[in-house]
Amino acid sequence: MTDVIDPTESTDATDPLAPADPLDPLDAVVVGTRTVVPDASRPVAAVLEGERFVRWITWPDAVLPSRAVDRADVRPSPTGAWVVYVAEGIDLAERTAVFLTPEGVSCSVDLGDRRPIGDDAGGLWIGDPRDASTWTRAVDGHDDHDADEAADGMDTIDPETLEWAPAGPFWPDRDTWTEPDEPDDDDHDHDHDHEDDPDDDTDADPDDPSVVMTASQWSFRVGHPWEDAGVDDPDGEPEHEPAPEDAPAVPQETPPTEVVRIGHDGVRTPVQVDHLVDAVRVEGDRMTLRFHPTGPRLLAAAYGGWDTHYEPREVHVDVSDGLPASVTTADLPSTPVVEDTDDDAWAADEEELDARRAPFVGRFDLSGVAGASWQMVEPAAEAVAASTAALRDAFTGLGDPGVVWTADSDELRRSRSAHRAVEVTVEGTWPDTEVVVSFEHTDVPFLRLRRRYRVFDASGRPNDWGYVTVYLEEDIATGDIPPRSAAVDGVLDI
């Protein structure tokens, strides 16, 4: 006789009946007398009636973004829950969504780059992905693209044409170098101990002409509170009157936009609006639109710098005869929206989410549940090769010299890379393809560092590794890598 295990019965890590493949609850949505608990990353949800398990819901062939999913969000509604899958990316995000009810999945939709801006009994509202700040002219007439062009100019400089900046040895003398102490077990940042490294310039005086400041060591400030206010002590009072509120920034009018309600059956209903809309809700016969007539104003802050001041407004539209094809906010009475400045609201929301999830952590075993994994569709060989090459090429030039200013010269100079002996290889085949990069680094003497990057996620979609070398350098600079004792044959996997 086989024992029947109640999937709602709580277990723990020491219980031999603990889930071998536990559902990781994304949220818990109450719909009438039932609760829907979707997994955080897989296409499966548990449905309960009170405390009694009712059924599994799965959606393995639902629409997903073209890139690997970075996160999933839940938006409850009176009859179910929208699970929105987001692939962030460097530029605009991609989103898809499924609508779950206690009976199953009613639709799966592609949201493209549109972002959810509301949900109600009729469906999910999506709108323009851009923030109202897109339509603000820069302060004092200096556009952001001026700075971008200046930065781009650095990319056109050939380091081979520049003089070398002074630099010490790549690694210290092995005979005099002292290996740093291992970090404490509770030190999650794996902070480096720089005290015994004679070439470490972390705490060096930037005014010392012998010091070379790398790109990661330079910092820039705009509107530093007390220095810009003429105050020697940050706890003191400014020596001049606060700057006037009429900052020389002129907000631009936001353009017409389209908001779309996606019904629970996937049917889309567009509504054209004359200005940017960032929130929609429908209650009974009234639709409320929160819109921005212009971009935000940049107001001079009391202690220097600038504060971004948004000025959203709301209009109400009668929808007793159905949703309108268009709304002209300029023709309707509107009221200003008071911005919520409660900095603790986000933390409170997270606490509420954790409380909803807590009863279902480690409670359900997905072992053997059909459809609980995403259906994989292998991309064309050309697409696999392109994704692999894009990640591999991100490390091209990792060991090449850069271009910097040094404290002792007004001229640009060629600077030595913090990496040397860089090797980049590709291992495995789709979807288990990995790009492996190994190198020596000036911050980690006498070890070779190695890191593996999966090109594709578990569903076979390409991971977005934007700024991958920046994050790699940050991890090393902050000591967020394993301790030296974890190295094997002189190689430390980080």
Protein backbone atom coordinates (compact mmCIF):
# COMPACT_ATOMS: atom_id res chain seq x y z
CA MET A 1 0.00 0.00 0.00
CA THR A 2 1.37 3.42 -0.96
CA ASP A 3 0.98 6.33 1.40
CA VAL A 4 -0.74 9.38 -0.06
CA ILE A 5 1.06 12.57 0.95
CA ASP A 6 -1.08 15.67 1.32
CA PRO A 7 0.74 18.31 -0.80
CA THR A 8 -0.48 21.04 1.57
CA GLU A 9 1.10 19.45 4.61
CA SER A 10 3.99 21.54 5.91
CA THR A 11 7.49 20.04 5.91
CA ASP A 12 10.98 21.21 6.73
CA ALA A 13 14.49 20.51 5.52
CA THR A 14 15.02 17.72 8.07
CA ASP A 15 11.76 15.94 7.21
CA PRO A 16 12.35 12.87 5.01
CA LEU A 17 9.06 13.74 3.29
CA ALA A 18 10.18 17.30 2.55
CA PRO A 19 9.54 18.34 -1.08
CA ALA A 20 12.29 17.20 -3.39
CA ASP A 21 11.31 19.96 -5.80
CA PRO A 22 9.49 22.57 -3.73
CA LEU A 23 7.24 25.19 -5.23
CA ASP A 24 8.69 28.65 -4.63
CA PRO A 25 5.62 30.81 -3.99
CA LEU A 26 5.61 34.05 -5.97
CA ASP A 27 2.51 35.29 -4.14
CA ALA A 28 -0.80 33.99 -2.83
CA VAL A 29 -3.96 35.44 -4.38
CA VAL A 30 -7.33 34.88 -2.75
CA VAL A 31 -10.19 34.51 -5.24
CA GLY A 32 -13.46 33.94 -3.43
CA THR A 33 -13.01 30.87 -1.24
CA ARG A 34 -9.91 29.67 -3.10
CA THR A 35 -6.25 30.66 -3.09
CA VAL A 36 -3.97 30.57 -6.14
CA VAL A 37 -0.24 30.19 -5.40
CA PRO A 38 1.94 30.49 -8.52
CA ASP A 39 5.62 29.50 -8.59
CA ALA A 40 8.16 32.31 -8.82
CA SER A 41 9.83 31.08 -12.01
CA ARG A 42 8.01 28.01 -13.36
CA PRO A 43 4.66 27.70 -15.14
CA VAL A 44 2.75 26.09 -12.29
CA ALA A 45 0.40 27.14 -9.50
CA ALA A 46 -1.29 25.34 -6.63
CA VAL A 47 -5.00 25.97 -5.99
CA LEU A 48 -6.42 25.55 -2.49
CA GLU A 49 -9.91 25.59 -1.03
CA GLY A 50 -9.21 26.86 2.46
CA GLU A 51 -6.42 24.53 3.59
CA ARG A 52 -7.36 21.73 1.20
CA PHE A 53 -5.32 21.22 -1.97
CA VAL A 54 -7.59 21.26 -5.04
CA ARG A 55 -5.47 21.11 -8.20
CA TRP A 56 -2.38 22.10 -10.11
CA ILE A 57 -2.53 24.68 -12.89
CA THR A 58 0.23 24.65 -15.49
CA TRP A 59 1.02 26.74 -18.57
CA PRO A 60 4.26 25.35 -20.07
CA ASP A 61 3.55 26.66 -23.59
CA ALA A 62 2.58 30.21 -22.56
CA VAL A 63 4.15 33.16 -24.37
CA LEU A 64 7.46 34.29 -22.88
CA PRO A 65 9.77 37.22 -23.71
CA SER A 66 12.37 36.49 -26.36
CA ARG A 67 15.11 36.90 -23.74
CA ALA A 68 15.56 35.16 -20.39
CA VAL A 69 13.05 36.24 -17.76
CA ASP A 70 14.55 38.33 -14.96
CA ARG A 71 11.54 38.35 -12.68
CA ALA A 72 7.81 37.72 -12.43
CA ASP A 73 5.21 40.00 -10.85
CA VAL A 74 1.66 39.26 -9.73
CA ARG A 75 -1.27 41.64 -10.17
CA PRO A 76 -4.41 40.36 -8.40
CA SER A 77 -7.90 40.92 -9.76
CA PRO A 78 -11.35 40.05 -8.38
CA THR A 79 -11.51 36.86 -10.46
CA GLY A 80 -7.90 35.73 -10.61
CA ALA A 81 -4.34 36.95 -11.01
CA TRP A 82 -2.14 38.25 -13.78
CA VAL A 83 1.39 36.81 -13.71
CA VAL A 84 3.64 39.19 -15.64
CA TYR A 85 7.04 37.93 -16.86
CA VAL A 86 9.72 40.60 -17.32
CA ALA A 87 13.00 40.48 -19.25
CA GLU A 88 14.71 43.72 -18.21
CA GLY A 89 17.52 44.22 -20.73
CA ILE A 90 19.73 47.29 -21.05
CA ASP A 91 17.12 49.28 -22.93
CA LEU A 92 13.37 48.69 -22.87
CA ALA A 93 12.03 45.67 -21.06
CA GLU A 94 10.01 42.87 -22.67
CA ARG A 95 6.91 41.53 -20.93
CA THR A 96 4.37 38.77 -21.34
CA ALA A 97 1.48 37.79 -19.08
CA VAL A 98 -0.88 34.95 -18.26
CA PHE A 99 -4.20 35.28 -16.45
CA LEU A 100 -4.90 32.59 -13.86
CA THR A 101 -8.21 31.69 -12.29
CA PRO A 102 -8.87 28.90 -9.77
CA GLU A 103 -10.07 26.84 -12.76
CA GLY A 104 -7.05 27.36 -15.02
CA VAL A 105 -5.36 29.73 -17.49
CA SER A 106 -7.74 31.94 -19.44
CA CYS A 107 -5.19 33.71 -21.69
CA SER A 108 -1.51 34.17 -22.46
CA VAL A 109 -0.47 37.47 -24.06
CA ASP A 110 2.59 39.29 -25.34
CA LEU A 111 2.86 42.82 -23.87
CA GLY A 112 5.91 43.78 -25.90
CA ASP A 113 7.66 46.76 -24.31
CA ARG A 114 4.44 48.08 -22.79
CA ARG A 115 4.27 48.24 -19.01
CA PRO A 116 1.28 47.40 -16.79
CA ILE A 117 -0.33 50.57 -15.43
CA GLY A 118 -3.50 49.17 -13.86
CA ASP A 119 -5.79 46.21 -13.44
CA ASP A 120 -9.49 45.90 -12.70
CA ALA A 121 -12.40 43.51 -13.07
CA GLY A 122 -12.25 43.97 -16.84
CA GLY A 123 -8.60 43.20 -17.46
CA LEU A 124 -5.01 44.43 -17.41
CA TRP A 125 -4.10 47.96 -18.52
CA ILE A 126 -0.79 48.56 -20.30
CA GLY A 127 0.77 51.82 -21.44
CA ASP A 128 3.87 53.67 -22.58
CA PRO A 129 7.07 52.27 -21.04
CA ARG A 130 8.69 55.70 -20.75
CA ASP A 131 8.70 57.84 -17.64
CA ALA A 132 7.48 61.44 -17.76
CA SER A 133 11.09 62.57 -17.19
CA THR A 134 11.70 61.81 -20.87
CA TRP A 135 10.06 65.15 -21.60
CA THR A 136 12.16 67.51 -19.48
CA ARG A 137 14.70 69.83 -21.04
CA ALA A 138 18.00 69.86 -19.25
CA VAL A 139 19.05 72.59 -16.82
CA ASP A 140 20.68 75.74 -18.23
CA GLY A 141 20.12 74.53 -21.78
CA HIS A 142 22.69 71.73 -21.57
CA ASP A 143 21.17 68.59 -23.02
CA ASP A 144 22.10 65.15 -21.79
CA HIS A 145 23.32 64.21 -25.24
CA ASP A 146 26.14 66.76 -24.88
CA ALA A 147 27.61 64.65 -22.10
CA ASP A 148 26.99 61.52 -24.12
CA GLU A 149 28.87 62.99 -27.06
CA ALA A 150 31.79 63.91 -24.79
CA ALA A 151 31.88 60.36 -23.46
CA ASP A 152 31.65 58.96 -26.96
CA GLY A 153 34.70 61.03 -27.90
CA MET A 154 36.76 58.98 -25.47
CA ASP A 155 35.93 55.87 -27.45
CA THR A 156 37.49 57.32 -30.61
CA ILE A 157 40.91 57.82 -29.02
CA ASP A 158 43.50 55.24 -29.97
CA PRO A 159 45.45 54.29 -26.81
CA GLU A 160 48.43 53.41 -28.99
CA THR A 161 48.89 57.14 -29.70
CA LEU A 162 49.14 58.10 -26.01
CA GLU A 163 51.92 58.05 -23.46
CA TRP A 164 51.77 55.46 -20.69
CA ALA A 165 50.59 56.58 -17.29
CA PRO A 166 53.01 55.66 -14.50
CA ALA A 167 52.19 52.38 -12.78
CA GLY A 168 53.78 50.06 -10.29
CA PRO A 169 54.28 46.33 -10.76
CA PHE A 170 51.19 44.32 -11.74
CA TRP A 171 51.67 42.13 -8.66
CA PRO A 172 53.82 42.80 -5.58
CA ASP A 173 57.11 41.06 -4.94
CA ARG A 174 56.27 37.49 -3.95
CA ASP A 175 59.10 37.38 -1.41
CA THR A 176 57.77 40.36 0.54
CA TRP A 177 54.04 39.97 -0.05
CA THR A 178 51.91 38.74 2.84
CA GLU A 179 48.77 36.79 2.05
CA PRO A 180 45.69 38.58 3.45
CA ASP A 181 43.68 37.04 6.24
CA GLU A 182 40.57 35.08 5.30
CA PRO A 183 37.32 37.02 5.81
CA ASP A 184 34.99 36.02 8.62
CA ASP A 185 32.30 33.50 7.75
CA ASP A 186 29.62 36.15 8.22
CA ASP A 187 31.39 38.55 5.89
CA HIS A 188 29.25 38.08 2.81
CA ASP A 189 31.07 40.74 0.82
CA HIS A 190 34.41 38.86 0.93
CA ASP A 191 36.11 42.22 1.53
CA HIS A 192 39.75 42.31 0.51
CA ASP A 193 42.33 43.12 3.15
CA HIS A 194 44.45 45.79 1.44
CA GLU A 195 46.72 46.60 4.38
CA ASP A 196 49.52 44.28 3.28
CA ASP A 197 49.39 45.13 -0.43
CA PRO A 198 52.06 47.77 -1.18
CA ASP A 199 50.50 48.53 -4.57
CA ASP A 200 46.99 49.13 -3.27
CA ASP A 201 45.93 52.73 -3.90
CA THR A 202 42.42 52.50 -2.47
CA ASP A 203 43.14 54.98 0.34
CA ALA A 204 45.83 56.94 -1.47
CA ASP A 205 45.80 60.71 -1.68
CA PRO A 206 44.41 61.67 -5.11
CA ASP A 207 46.49 64.88 -5.01
CA ASP A 208 49.73 62.87 -4.91
CA PRO A 209 51.15 63.20 -8.46
CA SER A 210 52.55 59.69 -8.24
CA VAL A 211 49.08 58.20 -7.94
CA VAL A 212 47.26 56.93 -11.01
CA MET A 213 43.50 57.13 -10.63
CA THR A 214 41.73 54.51 -12.71
CA ALA A 215 38.29 54.92 -14.19
CA SER A 216 36.79 53.00 -11.28
CA GLN A 217 38.51 55.26 -8.72
CA TRP A 218 37.51 58.61 -10.16
CA SER A 219 34.24 60.04 -8.87
CA PHE A 220 32.24 63.06 -9.88
CA ARG A 221 29.71 65.03 -7.93
CA VAL A 222 26.98 67.46 -8.90
CA GLY A 223 25.36 69.67 -6.33
CA HIS A 224 27.16 68.27 -3.28
CA PRO A 225 24.90 69.50 -0.42
CA TRP A 226 27.25 71.25 1.99
CA GLU A 227 30.20 72.10 -0.24
CA ASP A 228 28.03 73.72 -2.89
CA ALA A 229 26.24 75.65 -0.15
CA GLY A 230 29.51 77.00 1.23
CA VAL A 231 29.34 74.92 4.39
CA ASP A 232 32.44 73.39 5.94
CA ASP A 233 30.47 71.09 8.22
CA PRO A 234 27.56 69.03 6.80
CA ASP A 235 25.77 69.57 10.12
CA GLY A 236 26.09 73.33 9.83
CA GLU A 237 23.85 75.86 8.11
CA PRO A 238 24.35 77.07 4.52
CA GLU A 239 26.05 80.42 4.15
CA HIS A 240 23.67 81.68 1.49
CA GLU A 241 19.96 81.76 0.92
CA PRO A 242 18.34 78.64 -0.60
CA ALA A 243 18.23 78.70 -4.38
CA PRO A 244 14.97 79.99 -5.90
CA GLU A 245 12.36 77.46 -6.92
CA ASP A 246 12.01 78.80 -10.46
CA ALA A 247 14.72 76.55 -11.89
CA PRO A 248 15.80 77.22 -15.47
CA ALA A 249 14.44 73.89 -16.69
CA VAL A 250 11.45 73.93 -18.99
CA PRO A 251 9.28 70.81 -19.03
CA GLN A 252 8.07 69.71 -22.44
CA GLU A 253 4.51 68.73 -23.20
CA THR A 254 4.07 64.96 -23.26
CA PRO A 255 2.82 63.50 -26.56
CA PRO A 256 -0.37 61.54 -27.27
CA THR A 257 -0.25 57.94 -26.15
CA GLU A 258 -2.28 54.75 -26.30
CA VAL A 259 -3.41 52.74 -23.31
CA VAL A 260 -4.81 49.27 -23.86
CA ARG A 261 -7.00 47.06 -21.73
CA ILE A 262 -6.37 43.37 -22.24
CA GLY A 263 -9.39 41.33 -21.23
CA HIS A 264 -9.20 38.01 -19.43
CA ASP A 265 -9.88 36.39 -22.80
CA GLY A 266 -6.93 38.23 -24.39
CA VAL A 267 -9.08 40.72 -26.32
CA ARG A 268 -7.46 44.17 -26.53
CA THR A 269 -9.32 47.47 -26.29
CA PRO A 270 -7.18 50.54 -27.11
CA VAL A 271 -7.91 54.05 -25.86
CA GLN A 272 -6.10 57.04 -27.35
CA VAL A 273 -5.17 59.80 -24.89
CA ASP A 274 -3.67 63.22 -25.64
CA HIS A 275 -0.94 62.97 -22.97
CA LEU A 276 1.25 60.38 -21.26
CA VAL A 277 -0.78 58.14 -18.92
CA ASP A 278 0.91 56.16 -16.15
CA ALA A 279 -2.10 54.78 -14.25
CA VAL A 280 -5.62 53.61 -15.15
CA ARG A 281 -8.41 52.19 -13.03
CA VAL A 282 -12.06 51.48 -13.71
CA GLU A 283 -14.56 51.36 -10.88
CA GLY A 284 -18.16 50.82 -11.88
CA ASP A 285 -19.06 53.37 -14.57
CA ARG A 286 -16.05 55.61 -13.98
CA MET A 287 -12.58 55.38 -15.50
CA THR A 288 -9.79 57.36 -13.84
CA LEU A 289 -6.71 58.32 -15.83
CA ARG A 290 -3.59 59.63 -14.15
CA PHE A 291 -1.66 61.63 -16.75
CA HIS A 292 1.27 64.02 -17.06
CA PRO A 293 0.55 67.14 -19.15
CA THR A 294 4.32 67.80 -19.21
CA GLY A 295 7.51 66.28 -18.01
CA PRO A 296 8.66 67.09 -14.47
CA ARG A 297 10.19 70.39 -13.45
CA LEU A 298 13.74 70.50 -12.13
CA LEU A 299 13.69 72.68 -9.03
CA ALA A 300 16.82 74.07 -7.44
CA ALA A 301 17.39 72.27 -4.16
CA ALA A 302 18.03 74.33 -1.04
CA TYR A 303 21.58 73.01 -0.66
CA GLY A 304 22.57 72.77 -4.32
CA GLY A 305 21.69 70.38 -7.09
CA TRP A 306 18.22 69.76 -8.42
CA ASP A 307 15.04 68.06 -7.31
CA THR A 308 12.76 66.39 -9.86
CA HIS A 309 9.20 67.54 -9.30
CA TYR A 310 6.47 65.56 -11.09
CA GLU A 311 3.05 67.14 -11.57
CA PRO A 312 0.57 64.38 -12.50
CA ARG A 313 -3.15 65.05 -12.72
CA GLU A 314 -6.30 62.92 -12.81
CA VAL A 315 -9.41 63.01 -14.98
CA HIS A 316 -12.56 60.94 -14.66
CA VAL A 317 -14.37 59.52 -17.69
CA ASP A 318 -17.91 58.11 -17.78
CA VAL A 319 -17.76 54.57 -19.19
CA SER A 320 -21.36 53.55 -18.61
CA ASP A 321 -21.68 53.07 -22.38
CA GLY A 322 -18.34 51.28 -22.67
CA LEU A 323 -14.74 52.38 -23.01
CA PRO A 324 -14.18 55.45 -25.23
CA ALA A 325 -12.03 55.26 -28.33
CA SER A 326 -10.19 58.41 -27.22
CA VAL A 327 -9.91 60.83 -24.33
CA THR A 328 -8.84 64.47 -24.55
CA THR A 329 -7.74 65.41 -21.07
CA ALA A 330 -7.51 69.08 -22.05
CA ASP A 331 -11.29 69.13 -22.50
CA LEU A 332 -12.02 67.63 -19.07
CA PRO A 333 -11.73 69.00 -15.54
CA SER A 334 -8.65 67.59 -13.86
CA THR A 335 -7.21 67.61 -10.38
CA PRO A 336 -3.57 67.46 -9.25
CA VAL A 337 -2.36 64.20 -7.74
CA VAL A 338 -0.53 64.41 -4.44
CA GLU A 339 2.56 62.24 -4.73
CA ASP A 340 3.04 59.57 -2.08
CA THR A 341 6.29 60.44 -0.31
CA ASP A 342 6.16 57.60 2.20
CA ASP A 343 9.63 56.05 1.95
CA ASP A 344 8.50 53.12 4.09
CA ALA A 345 5.66 52.10 1.76
CA TRP A 346 7.86 49.80 -0.33
CA ALA A 347 9.21 48.02 2.74
CA ALA A 348 5.67 47.60 4.07
CA ASP A 349 4.55 46.08 0.76
CA GLU A 350 7.46 43.63 0.88
CA GLU A 351 6.57 42.61 4.41
CA GLU A 352 2.97 41.98 3.38
CA LEU A 353 4.15 39.89 0.41
CA ASP A 354 6.45 37.83 2.65
CA ALA A 355 3.54 37.25 5.03
CA ARG A 356 1.32 36.00 2.19
CA ARG A 357 4.04 33.69 0.88
CA ALA A 358 5.19 32.30 4.21
CA PRO A 359 2.45 29.65 4.71
CA PHE A 360 3.31 28.07 1.34
CA VAL A 361 7.12 27.96 1.49
CA GLY A 362 8.27 24.32 1.41
CA ARG A 363 4.68 23.09 1.30
CA PHE A 364 4.20 21.74 -2.22
CA ASP A 365 6.31 19.17 -4.08
CA LEU A 366 6.46 19.66 -7.84
CA SER A 367 8.15 16.31 -8.42
CA GLY A 368 6.24 14.52 -11.15
CA VAL A 369 3.82 17.39 -11.83
CA ALA A 370 3.26 17.34 -15.59
CA GLY A 371 3.75 20.70 -17.29
CA ALA A 372 5.61 22.33 -14.40
CA SER A 373 8.59 23.18 -16.64
CA TRP A 374 8.71 25.61 -19.54
CA GLN A 375 8.43 24.10 -22.98
CA MET A 376 11.70 24.67 -24.81
CA VAL A 377 11.78 25.67 -28.45
CA GLU A 378 15.28 25.49 -29.85
CA PRO A 379 16.24 28.65 -31.75
CA ALA A 380 17.90 28.52 -35.14
CA ALA A 381 21.57 27.64 -35.15
CA GLU A 382 22.36 31.18 -36.33
CA ALA A 383 20.58 32.67 -33.31
CA VAL A 384 22.41 30.35 -30.91
CA ALA A 385 25.72 31.30 -32.48
CA ALA A 386 24.90 35.02 -32.34
CA SER A 387 23.96 34.93 -28.65
CA THR A 388 27.10 32.99 -27.82
CA ALA A 389 29.32 35.32 -29.85
CA ALA A 390 27.75 38.42 -28.26
CA LEU A 391 28.65 37.24 -24.77
CA ARG A 392 32.08 36.01 -25.80
CA ASP A 393 32.84 39.30 -27.56
CA ALA A 394 31.90 41.28 -24.43
CA PHE A 395 35.22 40.14 -22.97
CA THR A 396 37.23 41.07 -26.05
CA GLY A 397 39.74 43.69 -25.05
CA LEU A 398 39.40 43.00 -21.31
CA GLY A 399 43.17 43.04 -21.06
CA ASP A 400 43.68 45.99 -23.41
CA PRO A 401 44.91 49.35 -22.05
CA GLY A 402 42.41 52.09 -21.32
CA VAL A 403 42.45 55.87 -21.51
CA VAL A 404 42.57 57.93 -18.28
CA TRP A 405 43.43 61.26 -16.78
CA THR A 406 46.00 61.14 -14.00
CA ALA A 407 46.35 63.44 -11.04
CA ASP A 408 49.70 64.81 -12.24
CA SER A 409 48.81 65.63 -15.84
CA ASP A 410 46.17 67.42 -17.88
CA GLU A 411 46.81 65.12 -20.80
CA LEU A 412 45.06 61.82 -21.48
CA ARG A 413 47.30 58.82 -21.05
CA ARG A 414 47.27 55.13 -21.75
CA SER A 415 46.61 53.06 -18.63
CA ARG A 416 47.41 49.43 -18.00
CA SER A 417 44.41 47.11 -17.70
CA ALA A 418 43.71 45.54 -14.32
CA HIS A 419 43.47 42.22 -16.23
CA ARG A 420 46.13 40.28 -18.08
CA ALA A 421 46.53 36.86 -19.69
CA VAL A 422 42.84 36.86 -20.58
CA GLU A 423 41.41 33.68 -22.10
CA VAL A 424 37.81 33.29 -23.27
CA THR A 425 36.42 29.90 -24.29
CA VAL A 426 33.01 28.40 -25.07
CA GLU A 427 31.91 25.12 -23.51
CA GLY A 428 28.81 22.97 -23.98
CA THR A 429 25.95 23.09 -26.45
CA TRP A 430 22.51 24.71 -26.34
CA PRO A 431 20.90 25.16 -23.88
CA ASP A 432 23.88 24.42 -21.61
CA THR A 433 26.33 26.65 -23.48
CA GLU A 434 28.76 28.52 -21.24
CA VAL A 435 31.28 31.25 -21.92
CA VAL A 436 34.25 30.83 -19.60
CA VAL A 437 36.59 33.76 -18.97
CA SER A 438 39.82 33.44 -17.00
CA PHE A 439 42.52 35.98 -16.26
CA GLU A 440 44.97 37.37 -13.77
CA HIS A 441 43.96 40.54 -11.90
CA THR A 442 46.11 43.10 -10.17
CA ASP A 443 43.88 43.02 -7.06
CA VAL A 444 44.31 39.27 -6.53
CA PRO A 445 48.03 38.47 -6.60
CA PHE A 446 49.35 35.06 -7.61
CA LEU A 447 45.99 33.52 -8.53
CA ARG A 448 44.15 33.03 -11.78
CA LEU A 449 40.46 33.98 -11.64
CA ARG A 450 37.78 32.19 -13.62
CA ARG A 451 34.08 32.80 -14.08
CA ARG A 452 31.45 30.88 -16.06
CA TYR A 453 28.46 32.51 -17.71
CA ARG A 454 25.46 30.60 -19.01
CA VAL A 455 24.46 31.93 -22.39
CA PHE A 456 20.89 30.60 -22.09
CA ASP A 457 18.49 30.11 -19.21
CA ALA A 458 16.68 26.91 -18.25
CA SER A 459 14.02 27.57 -20.89
CA GLY A 460 16.64 27.96 -23.64
CA ARG A 461 16.26 31.72 -24.04
CA PRO A 462 19.37 33.94 -24.15
CA ASN A 463 20.40 35.63 -20.91
CA ASP A 464 20.95 39.37 -21.11
CA TRP A 465 24.48 40.03 -19.88
CA GLY A 466 24.52 43.81 -20.32
CA TYR A 467 27.42 45.54 -18.54
CA VAL A 468 28.85 42.12 -17.74
CA THR A 469 32.45 43.33 -17.50
CA VAL A 470 31.44 46.25 -15.27
CA TYR A 471 29.78 43.87 -12.81
CA LEU A 472 32.76 41.54 -12.97
CA GLU A 473 35.12 44.36 -12.07
CA GLU A 474 32.83 45.55 -9.28
CA ASP A 475 32.75 42.07 -7.73
CA ILE A 476 36.54 41.94 -7.66
CA ALA A 477 36.98 45.52 -6.46
CA THR A 478 34.53 45.04 -3.58
CA GLY A 479 35.88 41.63 -2.64
CA ASP A 480 32.60 39.92 -3.48
CA ILE A 481 34.38 36.74 -4.55
CA PRO A 482 35.22 33.48 -2.74
CA PRO A 483 38.22 33.45 -0.38
CA ARG A 484 41.67 32.59 -1.69
CA SER A 485 41.56 29.25 0.14
CA ALA A 486 38.89 28.07 -2.33
CA ALA A 487 41.39 28.12 -5.20
CA VAL A 488 42.30 24.79 -6.81
CA ASP A 489 45.68 24.46 -8.51
CA GLY A 490 46.08 28.23 -8.54
CA VAL A 491 42.65 28.90 -10.08
CA LEU A 492 39.87 30.62 -8.10
CA ASP A 493 36.36 30.21 -9.50
CA ILE A 494 34.47 33.39 -8.74
